[in-house]
C-alpha atoms as a PDB file:
ATOM      1  CA  UNK A   1       1.987  69.224 -16.898  1.00  0.00           C
ATOM      2  CA  UNK A   2       3.731  69.704 -20.367  1.00  0.00           C
ATOM      3  CA  UNK A   3       6.216  67.312 -21.500  1.00  0.00           C
ATOM      4  CA  UNK A   4       8.869  70.092 -21.348  1.00  0.00           C
ATOM      5  CA  UNK A   5       8.382  70.837 -17.636  1.00  0.00           C
ATOM      6  CA  UNK A   6       8.081  67.236 -17.042  1.00  0.00           C
ATOM      7  CA  UNK A   7      11.411  66.758 -18.602  1.00  0.00           C
ATOM      8  CA  UNK A   8      13.325  69.359 -16.346  1.00  0.00           C
ATOM      9  CA  UNK A   9      11.950  67.402 -13.090  1.00  0.00           C
ATOM     10  CA  UNK A  10      13.343  64.062 -14.052  1.00  0.00           C
ATOM     11  CA  UNK A  11      16.553  62.651 -13.476  1.00  0.00           C
ATOM     12  CA  UNK A  12      18.978  60.788 -15.890  1.00  0.00           C
ATOM     13  CA  UNK A  13      19.864  56.853 -15.762  1.00  0.00           C
ATOM     14  CA  UNK A  14      22.192  54.985 -17.955  1.00  0.00           C
ATOM     15  CA  UNK A  15      21.359  51.912 -19.863  1.00  0.00           C
ATOM     16  CA  UNK A  16      23.655  49.066 -18.563  1.00  0.00           C
ATOM     17  CA  UNK A  17      22.070  45.779 -19.529  1.00  0.00           C
ATOM     18  CA  UNK A  18      19.650  44.786 -22.273  1.00  0.00           C
ATOM     19  CA  UNK A  19      17.964  41.429 -22.866  1.00  0.00           C
ATOM     20  CA  UNK A  20      15.513  40.962 -25.486  1.00  0.00           C
ATOM     21  CA  UNK A  21      13.644  37.751 -26.714  1.00  0.00           C
ATOM     22  CA  UNK A  22      10.141  35.978 -27.645  1.00  0.00           C
ATOM     23  CA  UNK A  23      11.342  37.465 -31.167  1.00  0.00           C
ATOM     24  CA  UNK A  24      12.129  40.968 -30.260  1.00  0.00           C
ATOM     25  CA  UNK A  25       8.748  41.695 -28.654  1.00  0.00           C
ATOM     26  CA  UNK A  26       9.764  41.382 -25.022  1.00  0.00           C
ATOM     27  CA  UNK A  27      12.872  42.704 -23.266  1.00  0.00           C
ATOM     28  CA  UNK A  28      14.559  43.387 -19.539  1.00  0.00           C
ATOM     29  CA  UNK A  29      16.149  46.532 -19.216  1.00  0.00           C
ATOM     30  CA  UNK A  30      18.646  47.510 -16.552  1.00  0.00           C
ATOM     31  CA  UNK A  31      19.103  51.223 -15.707  1.00  0.00           C
ATOM     32  CA  UNK A  32      21.839  52.784 -13.428  1.00  0.00           C
ATOM     33  CA  UNK A  33      21.115  56.291 -12.041  1.00  0.00           C
ATOM     34  CA  UNK A  34      23.504  58.771 -13.304  1.00  0.00           C
ATOM     35  CA  UNK A  35      23.418  60.782  -9.840  1.00  0.00           C
ATOM     36  CA  UNK A  36      25.159  57.532  -8.277  1.00  0.00           C
ATOM     37  CA  UNK A  37      23.101  58.112  -5.336  1.00  0.00           C
ATOM     38  CA  UNK A  38      20.916  54.942  -4.012  1.00  0.00           C
ATOM     39  CA  UNK A  39      17.585  54.134  -5.675  1.00  0.00           C
ATOM     40  CA  UNK A  40      15.101  53.962  -2.848  1.00  0.00           C
ATOM     41  CA  UNK A  41      11.671  52.376  -3.356  1.00  0.00           C
ATOM     42  CA  UNK A  42       9.478  49.577  -2.279  1.00  0.00           C
ATOM     43  CA  UNK A  43       9.137  46.243  -4.389  1.00  0.00           C
ATOM     44  CA  UNK A  44       5.856  46.711  -6.154  1.00  0.00           C
ATOM     45  CA  UNK A  45       6.221  50.438  -7.116  1.00  0.00           C
ATOM     46  CA  UNK A  46       6.494  51.783 -10.257  1.00  0.00           C
ATOM     47  CA  UNK A  47       8.072  54.812 -12.090  1.00  0.00           C
ATOM     48  CA  UNK A  48       7.776  56.871 -15.069  1.00  0.00           C
ATOM     49  CA  UNK A  49      10.004  56.297 -18.060  1.00  0.00           C
ATOM     50  CA  UNK A  50      10.729  58.803 -20.923  1.00  0.00           C
ATOM     51  CA  UNK A  51      12.964  59.311 -24.019  1.00  0.00           C
ATOM     52  CA  UNK A  52      13.226  61.723 -26.789  1.00  0.00           C
ATOM     53  CA  UNK A  53      11.398  59.825 -29.768  1.00  0.00           C
ATOM     54  CA  UNK A  54      11.659  60.353 -33.617  1.00  0.00           C
ATOM     55  CA  UNK A  55       8.088  61.379 -34.613  1.00  0.00           C
ATOM     56  CA  UNK A  56       6.438  61.846 -31.355  1.00  0.00           C
ATOM     57  CA  UNK A  57       8.922  63.947 -29.198  1.00  0.00           C
ATOM     58  CA  UNK A  58       9.707  63.472 -25.757  1.00  0.00           C
ATOM     59  CA  UNK A  59       7.358  60.744 -24.345  1.00  0.00           C
ATOM     60  CA  UNK A  60       6.822  59.398 -20.722  1.00  0.00           C
ATOM     61  CA  UNK A  61       5.233  56.234 -19.805  1.00  0.00           C
ATOM     62  CA  UNK A  62       4.729  54.554 -16.316  1.00  0.00           C
ATOM     63  CA  UNK A  63       6.449  51.043 -15.727  1.00  0.00           C
ATOM     64  CA  UNK A  64       6.294  48.679 -12.718  1.00  0.00           C
ATOM     65  CA  UNK A  65       9.912  48.072 -11.620  1.00  0.00           C
ATOM     66  CA  UNK A  66      10.680  44.567 -11.884  1.00  0.00           C
ATOM     67  CA  UNK A  67      14.028  44.965  -9.801  1.00  0.00           C
ATOM     68  CA  UNK A  68      14.204  44.230  -5.914  1.00  0.00           C
ATOM     69  CA  UNK A  69      14.882  47.196  -3.971  1.00  0.00           C
ATOM     70  CA  UNK A  70      17.929  45.005  -2.559  1.00  0.00           C
ATOM     71  CA  UNK A  71      19.328  45.079  -6.267  1.00  0.00           C
ATOM     72  CA  UNK A  72      22.130  47.297  -5.278  1.00  0.00           C
ATOM     73  CA  UNK A  73      22.541  50.295  -7.847  1.00  0.00           C
ATOM     74  CA  UNK A  74      20.167  49.386 -10.811  1.00  0.00           C
ATOM     75  CA  UNK A  75      16.467  49.482 -11.632  1.00  0.00           C
ATOM     76  CA  UNK A  76      15.207  46.782 -13.689  1.00  0.00           C
ATOM     77  CA  UNK A  77      12.224  47.013 -15.819  1.00  0.00           C
ATOM     78  CA  UNK A  78      10.143  44.030 -17.685  1.00  0.00           C
ATOM     79  CA  UNK A  79       8.570  45.757 -20.816  1.00  0.00           C
ATOM     80  CA  UNK A  80       6.531  44.539 -23.797  1.00  0.00           C
ATOM     81  CA  UNK A  81       7.375  46.176 -27.300  1.00  0.00           C
ATOM     82  CA  UNK A  82       4.278  47.907 -28.770  1.00  0.00           C
ATOM     83  CA  UNK A  83       3.703  47.608 -32.421  1.00  0.00           C
ATOM     84  CA  UNK A  84       3.938  51.433 -33.645  1.00  0.00           C
ATOM     85  CA  UNK A  85       3.947  52.500 -30.005  1.00  0.00           C
ATOM     86  CA  UNK A  86       4.882  56.152 -29.299  1.00  0.00           C
ATOM     87  CA  UNK A  87       7.652  54.662 -26.890  1.00  0.00           C
ATOM     88  CA  UNK A  88       8.606  51.284 -26.745  1.00  0.00           C
ATOM     89  CA  UNK A  89      10.014  50.770 -30.332  1.00  0.00           C
ATOM     90  CA  UNK A  90      12.236  53.874 -28.963  1.00  0.00           C
ATOM     91  CA  UNK A  91      12.929  51.887 -25.808  1.00  0.00           C
ATOM     92  CA  UNK A  92      14.145  48.548 -27.663  1.00  0.00           C
ATOM     93  CA  UNK A  93      16.243  50.549 -30.055  1.00  0.00           C
ATOM     94  CA  UNK A  94      18.674  51.582 -27.372  1.00  0.00           C
ATOM     95  CA  UNK A  95      21.883  50.133 -26.643  1.00  0.00           C
ATOM     96  CA  UNK A  96      23.937  50.008 -23.747  1.00  0.00           C
ATOM     97  CA  UNK A  97      25.209  53.626 -22.588  1.00  0.00           C
ATOM     98  CA  UNK A  98      21.918  55.313 -23.605  1.00  0.00           C
ATOM     99  CA  UNK A  99      20.551  57.814 -21.388  1.00  0.00           C
ATOM    100  CA  UNK A 100      16.995  57.439 -20.238  1.00  0.00           C
ATOM    101  CA  UNK A 101      14.779  59.940 -18.010  1.00  0.00           C
ATOM    102  CA  UNK A 102      13.178  58.867 -14.927  1.00  0.00           C
ATOM    103  CA  UNK A 103      11.045  59.853 -12.140  1.00  0.00           C
ATOM    104  CA  UNK A 104      10.851  58.910  -8.391  1.00  0.00           C
ATOM    105  CA  UNK A 105       8.853  55.925  -7.870  1.00  0.00           C
ATOM    106  CA  UNK A 106       5.632  55.641  -6.328  1.00  0.00           C
ATOM    107  CA  UNK A 107       2.487  53.398  -5.651  1.00  0.00           C
ATOM    108  CA  UNK A 108       0.948  51.136  -3.086  1.00  0.00           C
ATOM    109  CA  UNK A 109       1.231  47.881  -5.050  1.00  0.00           C
ATOM    110  CA  UNK A 110       2.893  46.406  -1.911  1.00  0.00           C
ATOM    111  CA  UNK A 111       2.759  43.410   0.436  1.00  0.00           C
ATOM    112  CA  UNK A 112       2.236  45.994   3.373  1.00  0.00           C
ATOM    113  CA  UNK A 113      -0.658  47.108   1.561  1.00  0.00           C
ATOM    114  CA  UNK A 114      -2.228  43.323   1.101  1.00  0.00           C
ATOM    115  CA  UNK A 115      -1.653  42.948   5.084  1.00  0.00           C
ATOM    116  CA  UNK A 116      -2.354  39.033   4.753  1.00  0.00           C
ATOM    117  CA  UNK A 117       0.038  36.109   5.146  1.00  0.00           C
ATOM    118  CA  UNK A 118      -1.139  34.109   1.879  1.00  0.00           C
ATOM    119  CA  UNK A 119      -0.941  36.161  -1.273  1.00  0.00           C
ATOM    120  CA  UNK A 120      -2.482  34.821  -4.438  1.00  0.00           C
ATOM    121  CA  UNK A 121      -0.389  36.501  -7.348  1.00  0.00           C
ATOM    122  CA  UNK A 122      -1.770  36.727 -10.846  1.00  0.00           C
ATOM    123  CA  UNK A 123      -0.134  38.333 -13.961  1.00  0.00           C
ATOM    124  CA  UNK A 124      -0.335  38.764 -17.625  1.00  0.00           C
ATOM    125  CA  UNK A 125       2.928  39.290 -19.958  1.00  0.00           C
ATOM    126  CA  UNK A 126       4.718  42.257 -18.204  1.00  0.00           C
ATOM    127  CA  UNK A 127       2.385  42.735 -15.582  1.00  0.00           C
ATOM    128  CA  UNK A 128       4.786  39.866 -13.777  1.00  0.00           C
ATOM    129  CA  UNK A 129       7.245  42.880 -13.179  1.00  0.00           C
ATOM    130  CA  UNK A 130       6.121  43.977  -9.838  1.00  0.00           C
ATOM    131  CA  UNK A 131       5.824  40.548  -8.397  1.00  0.00           C
ATOM    132  CA  UNK A 132       9.293  39.548  -9.533  1.00  0.00           C
ATOM    133  CA  UNK A 133      10.330  42.648  -7.237  1.00  0.00           C
ATOM    134  CA  UNK A 134       8.525  40.954  -4.486  1.00  0.00           C
ATOM    135  CA  UNK A 135       9.853  37.809  -4.897  1.00  0.00           C
ATOM    136  CA  UNK A 136      13.214  38.703  -5.211  1.00  0.00           C
ATOM    137  CA  UNK A 137      13.113  40.482  -1.903  1.00  0.00           C
ATOM    138  CA  UNK A 138      11.600  38.018  -0.065  1.00  0.00           C
ATOM    139  CA  UNK A 139      14.157  35.409  -1.360  1.00  0.00           C
ATOM    140  CA  UNK A 140      17.388  37.736  -0.777  1.00  0.00           C
ATOM    141  CA  UNK A 141      16.165  38.438   2.830  1.00  0.00           C
ATOM    142  CA  UNK A 142      15.436  34.300   3.094  1.00  0.00           C
ATOM    143  CA  UNK A 143      18.884  33.802   1.712  1.00  0.00           C
ATOM    144  CA  UNK A 144      20.127  36.194   4.720  1.00  0.00           C
ATOM    145  CA  UNK A 145      18.268  34.489   7.135  1.00  0.00           C
ATOM    146  CA  UNK A 146      15.507  36.577   7.624  1.00  0.00           C
ATOM    147  CA  UNK A 147      12.553  34.282   7.283  1.00  0.00           C
ATOM    148  CA  UNK A 148       9.199  35.804   6.458  1.00  0.00           C
ATOM    149  CA  UNK A 149       5.923  34.281   7.051  1.00  0.00           C
ATOM    150  CA  UNK A 150       4.433  34.728   3.313  1.00  0.00           C
ATOM    151  CA  UNK A 151       3.033  32.154   1.423  1.00  0.00           C
ATOM    152  CA  UNK A 152       2.901  33.317  -2.405  1.00  0.00           C
ATOM    153  CA  UNK A 153       1.065  31.645  -5.086  1.00  0.00           C
ATOM    154  CA  UNK A 154       1.903  33.182  -8.530  1.00  0.00           C
ATOM    155  CA  UNK A 155       0.115  32.358 -11.769  1.00  0.00           C
ATOM    156  CA  UNK A 156       1.504  33.849 -14.770  1.00  0.00           C
ATOM    157  CA  UNK A 157      -0.301  33.885 -18.281  1.00  0.00           C
ATOM    158  CA  UNK A 158       1.104  34.502 -21.646  1.00  0.00           C
ATOM    159  CA  UNK A 159      -0.031  33.638 -25.240  1.00  0.00           C
ATOM    160  CA  UNK A 160       3.164  31.572 -26.056  1.00  0.00           C
ATOM    161  CA  UNK A 161       5.546  29.591 -23.702  1.00  0.00           C
ATOM    162  CA  UNK A 162       8.594  31.442 -25.180  1.00  0.00           C
ATOM    163  CA  UNK A 163       6.906  34.831 -23.510  1.00  0.00           C
ATOM    164  CA  UNK A 164       7.371  33.627 -19.951  1.00  0.00           C
ATOM    165  CA  UNK A 165       9.997  36.363 -18.708  1.00  0.00           C
ATOM    166  CA  UNK A 166      11.778  35.363 -15.656  1.00  0.00           C
ATOM    167  CA  UNK A 167      10.652  31.411 -15.680  1.00  0.00           C
ATOM    168  CA  UNK A 168      14.060  29.742 -15.019  1.00  0.00           C
ATOM    169  CA  UNK A 169      14.440  32.243 -11.949  1.00  0.00           C
ATOM    170  CA  UNK A 170      10.750  31.845 -10.592  1.00  0.00           C
ATOM    171  CA  UNK A 171      11.251  28.038 -11.055  1.00  0.00           C
ATOM    172  CA  UNK A 172      14.332  28.261  -8.992  1.00  0.00           C
ATOM    173  CA  UNK A 173      12.693  29.944  -6.107  1.00  0.00           C
ATOM    174  CA  UNK A 174       9.747  27.392  -6.240  1.00  0.00           C
ATOM    175  CA  UNK A 175      12.097  24.485  -6.115  1.00  0.00           C
ATOM    176  CA  UNK A 176      13.222  26.092  -2.693  1.00  0.00           C
ATOM    177  CA  UNK A 177      10.060  25.245  -1.068  1.00  0.00           C
ATOM    178  CA  UNK A 178      12.163  22.021   0.469  1.00  0.00           C
ATOM    179  CA  UNK A 179      14.316  24.905   1.991  1.00  0.00           C
ATOM    180  CA  UNK A 180      11.088  26.699   3.791  1.00  0.00           C
ATOM    181  CA  UNK A 181      10.789  29.218   1.084  1.00  0.00           C
ATOM    182  CA  UNK A 182       6.893  29.044   0.768  1.00  0.00           C
ATOM    183  CA  UNK A 183       6.333  29.893  -3.130  1.00  0.00           C
ATOM    184  CA  UNK A 184       4.557  27.856  -5.912  1.00  0.00           C
ATOM    185  CA  UNK A 185       4.533  29.126  -9.476  1.00  0.00           C
ATOM    186  CA  UNK A 186       2.045  28.152 -12.158  1.00  0.00           C
ATOM    187  CA  UNK A 187       2.619  29.543 -15.698  1.00  0.00           C
ATOM    188  CA  UNK A 188      -0.177  28.902 -18.171  1.00  0.00           C
ATOM    189  CA  UNK A 189      -0.042  29.643 -22.209  1.00  0.00           C
ATOM    190  CA  UNK A 190      -3.507  30.453 -23.847  1.00  0.00           C
ATOM    191  CA  UNK A 191      -1.931  29.057 -27.170  1.00  0.00           C
ATOM    192  CA  UNK A 192      -0.184  25.934 -26.129  1.00  0.00           C
ATOM    193  CA  UNK A 193       2.067  25.605 -29.296  1.00  0.00           C
ATOM    194  CA  UNK A 194       5.142  23.093 -29.109  1.00  0.00           C
ATOM    195  CA  UNK A 195       6.602  25.421 -31.740  1.00  0.00           C
ATOM    196  CA  UNK A 196       6.902  28.085 -29.434  1.00  0.00           C
ATOM    197  CA  UNK A 197       8.308  26.424 -26.402  1.00  0.00           C
ATOM    198  CA  UNK A 198       5.209  24.456 -24.810  1.00  0.00           C
ATOM    199  CA  UNK A 199       5.665  21.050 -22.949  1.00  0.00           C
ATOM    200  CA  UNK A 200       3.495  19.750 -20.456  1.00  0.00           C
ATOM    201  CA  UNK A 201       5.315  21.539 -17.793  1.00  0.00           C
ATOM    202  CA  UNK A 202       2.955  24.515 -18.746  1.00  0.00           C
ATOM    203  CA  UNK A 203      -0.724  24.811 -17.749  1.00  0.00           C
ATOM    204  CA  UNK A 204      -2.947  25.359 -20.651  1.00  0.00           C
ATOM    205  CA  UNK A 205      -5.507  28.260 -20.747  1.00  0.00           C
ATOM    206  CA  UNK A 206      -5.970  31.896 -19.872  1.00  0.00           C
ATOM    207  CA  UNK A 207      -4.646  32.671 -16.604  1.00  0.00           C
ATOM    208  CA  UNK A 208      -7.904  33.868 -14.943  1.00  0.00           C
ATOM    209  CA  UNK A 209      -9.611  30.697 -16.035  1.00  0.00           C
ATOM    210  CA  UNK A 210      -6.840  28.357 -14.592  1.00  0.00           C
ATOM    211  CA  UNK A 211      -6.858  30.283 -11.542  1.00  0.00           C
ATOM    212  CA  UNK A 212     -10.975  29.952 -11.500  1.00  0.00           C
ATOM    213  CA  UNK A 213     -10.306  25.921 -11.892  1.00  0.00           C
ATOM    214  CA  UNK A 214      -7.725  25.928  -8.964  1.00  0.00           C
ATOM    215  CA  UNK A 215     -10.210  27.373  -6.760  1.00  0.00           C
ATOM    216  CA  UNK A 216     -13.129  25.352  -7.833  1.00  0.00           C
ATOM    217  CA  UNK A 217     -15.154  28.273  -9.678  1.00  0.00           C
ATOM    218  CA  UNK A 218     -16.807  28.066 -13.150  1.00  0.00           C
ATOM    219  CA  UNK A 219     -15.262  28.946 -16.213  1.00  0.00           C
ATOM    220  CA  UNK A 220     -16.843  29.954 -19.433  1.00  0.00           C
ATOM    221  CA  UNK A 221     -19.054  27.380 -21.264  1.00  0.00           C
ATOM    222  CA  UNK A 222     -16.761  25.986 -24.104  1.00  0.00           C
ATOM    223  CA  UNK A 223     -13.421  27.034 -22.356  1.00  0.00           C
ATOM    224  CA  UNK A 224     -10.931  24.460 -21.007  1.00  0.00           C
ATOM    225  CA  UNK A 225      -7.929  24.369 -19.022  1.00  0.00           C
ATOM    226  CA  UNK A 226      -5.376  21.795 -18.117  1.00  0.00           C
ATOM    227  CA  UNK A 227      -2.937  21.965 -15.120  1.00  0.00           C
ATOM    228  CA  UNK A 228       1.017  21.257 -15.445  1.00  0.00           C
ATOM    229  CA  UNK A 229       2.010  17.708 -15.366  1.00  0.00           C
ATOM    230  CA  UNK A 230       2.273  16.841 -11.705  1.00  0.00           C
ATOM    231  CA  UNK A 231       0.582  19.541 -10.303  1.00  0.00           C
ATOM    232  CA  UNK A 232      -2.735  19.157  -8.325  1.00  0.00           C
ATOM    233  CA  UNK A 233      -5.182  21.691  -8.448  1.00  0.00           C
ATOM    234  CA  UNK A 234      -6.865  20.596  -5.190  1.00  0.00           C
ATOM    235  CA  UNK A 235      -3.382  20.706  -3.345  1.00  0.00           C
ATOM    236  CA  UNK A 236      -2.968  24.263  -4.412  1.00  0.00           C
ATOM    237  CA  UNK A 237      -6.279  25.254  -3.242  1.00  0.00           C
ATOM    238  CA  UNK A 238      -5.751  23.704  -0.152  1.00  0.00           C
ATOM    239  CA  UNK A 239      -2.943  26.419   0.689  1.00  0.00           C
ATOM    240  CA  UNK A 240      -5.239  29.016   0.652  1.00  0.00           C
ATOM    241  CA  UNK A 241      -7.696  30.115   3.576  1.00  0.00           C
ATOM    242  CA  UNK A 242      -9.615  32.869   1.873  1.00  0.00           C
ATOM    243  CA  UNK A 243     -10.091  34.783   5.044  1.00  0.00           C
ATOM    244  CA  UNK A 244      -6.382  34.831   5.447  1.00  0.00           C
ATOM    245  CA  UNK A 245      -5.466  35.660   2.195  1.00  0.00           C
ATOM    246  CA  UNK A 246      -5.246  38.568  -0.611  1.00  0.00           C
ATOM    247  CA  UNK A 247      -5.494  38.467  -4.288  1.00  0.00           C
ATOM    248  CA  UNK A 248      -2.898  41.002  -6.195  1.00  0.00           C
ATOM    249  CA  UNK A 249      -3.422  41.129  -9.988  1.00  0.00           C
ATOM    250  CA  UNK A 250      -1.572  43.041 -12.564  1.00  0.00           C
ATOM    251  CA  UNK A 251      -2.005  43.172 -16.578  1.00  0.00           C
ATOM    252  CA  UNK A 252      -4.899  42.483 -18.739  1.00  0.00           C
ATOM    253  CA  UNK A 253      -8.084  44.562 -17.460  1.00  0.00           C
ATOM    254  CA  UNK A 254     -10.331  42.000 -18.411  1.00  0.00           C
ATOM    255  CA  UNK A 255      -8.503  39.530 -16.269  1.00  0.00           C
ATOM    256  CA  UNK A 256      -8.246  41.855 -13.376  1.00  0.00           C
ATOM    257  CA  UNK A 257     -12.022  42.227 -13.419  1.00  0.00           C
ATOM    258  CA  UNK A 258     -13.130  38.780 -13.708  1.00  0.00           C
ATOM    259  CA  UNK A 259     -10.688  37.679 -10.712  1.00  0.00           C
ATOM    260  CA  UNK A 260     -12.092  40.631  -8.896  1.00  0.00           C
ATOM    261  CA  UNK A 261     -15.718  38.804  -9.066  1.00  0.00           C
ATOM    262  CA  UNK A 262     -13.981  35.242  -8.104  1.00  0.00           C
ATOM    263  CA  UNK A 263     -12.022  36.677  -5.123  1.00  0.00           C
ATOM    264  CA  UNK A 264     -15.465  37.817  -3.780  1.00  0.00           C
ATOM    265  CA  UNK A 265     -17.086  34.558  -4.393  1.00  0.00           C
ATOM    266  CA  UNK A 266     -14.257  32.843  -2.366  1.00  0.00           C
ATOM    267  CA  UNK A 267     -14.815  35.218   0.488  1.00  0.00           C
ATOM    268  CA  UNK A 268     -11.475  36.880  -0.172  1.00  0.00           C
ATOM    269  CA  UNK A 269     -11.594  40.318   1.395  1.00  0.00           C
ATOM    270  CA  UNK A 270      -8.602  42.150  -0.048  1.00  0.00           C
ATOM    271  CA  UNK A 271      -7.933  42.270  -3.645  1.00  0.00           C
ATOM    272  CA  UNK A 272      -5.255  44.642  -4.947  1.00  0.00           C
ATOM    273  CA  UNK A 273      -4.809  45.731  -8.778  1.00  0.00           C
ATOM    274  CA  UNK A 274      -1.928  47.485 -10.235  1.00  0.00           C
ATOM    275  CA  UNK A 275      -3.741  49.950 -12.402  1.00  0.00           C
ATOM    276  CA  UNK A 276      -1.532  52.774 -12.594  1.00  0.00           C
ATOM    277  CA  UNK A 277      -2.483  53.852 -15.945  1.00  0.00           C
ATOM    278  CA  UNK A 278      -5.940  55.149 -14.421  1.00  0.00           C
ATOM    279  CA  UNK A 279      -4.012  57.467 -11.913  1.00  0.00           C
END
């Protein structure tokens, strides 16, 4: 399908909020559909955003939705700016009030398709987005008195500690375990630089290697990992019964492939990965 034909099929939404951090490399963008109709989707799905760009014309790209379908009226995205990219520099240049084109959502990266009580979620960078949608949905239902049986363990990896989007929100949800919300959160930095926000509340190492460490699996020779201060890897491991668990991964393809092998070694039969760019 040509981009001209695609553009005619897309709907319009207005940028209503923009938050940029990590030196301008990461951003949260909230859009409100111009039609005024309810934006229906399932947590974990993705859509296509597009803009007219200088030098590249009309450019569409697929992005996971970071918001929850229970977030009334807005669609939220967590996006990394790609240096010399065809679309992201234009996205980051937009100000509140700008118009975006979008398509209806799709995808099967949902808890329903995971089909297990315990879900080990692993993300790198902005691959965190669909997991934010899942967790927000579960939390909103929990607050409304609709308690789920899910146990969620989320590992999020980034190069530097100032690149953990949604960290404060996720740490707040993890602290709600005392209130019956069964969620554990581990963020890990592969470049633990105190000048970029690293403290011992953050794990050290690549996220797939931290996951391997937690589950007692080997990591490459010469590599090392460390858990956050006060977090016991054995206690985390004890939360996961492989036959009753699923892995969900999103982000770096190398991480996805490495943990596919690790999940198989553990005896975890369900392994979902978000790879919509291959669709």
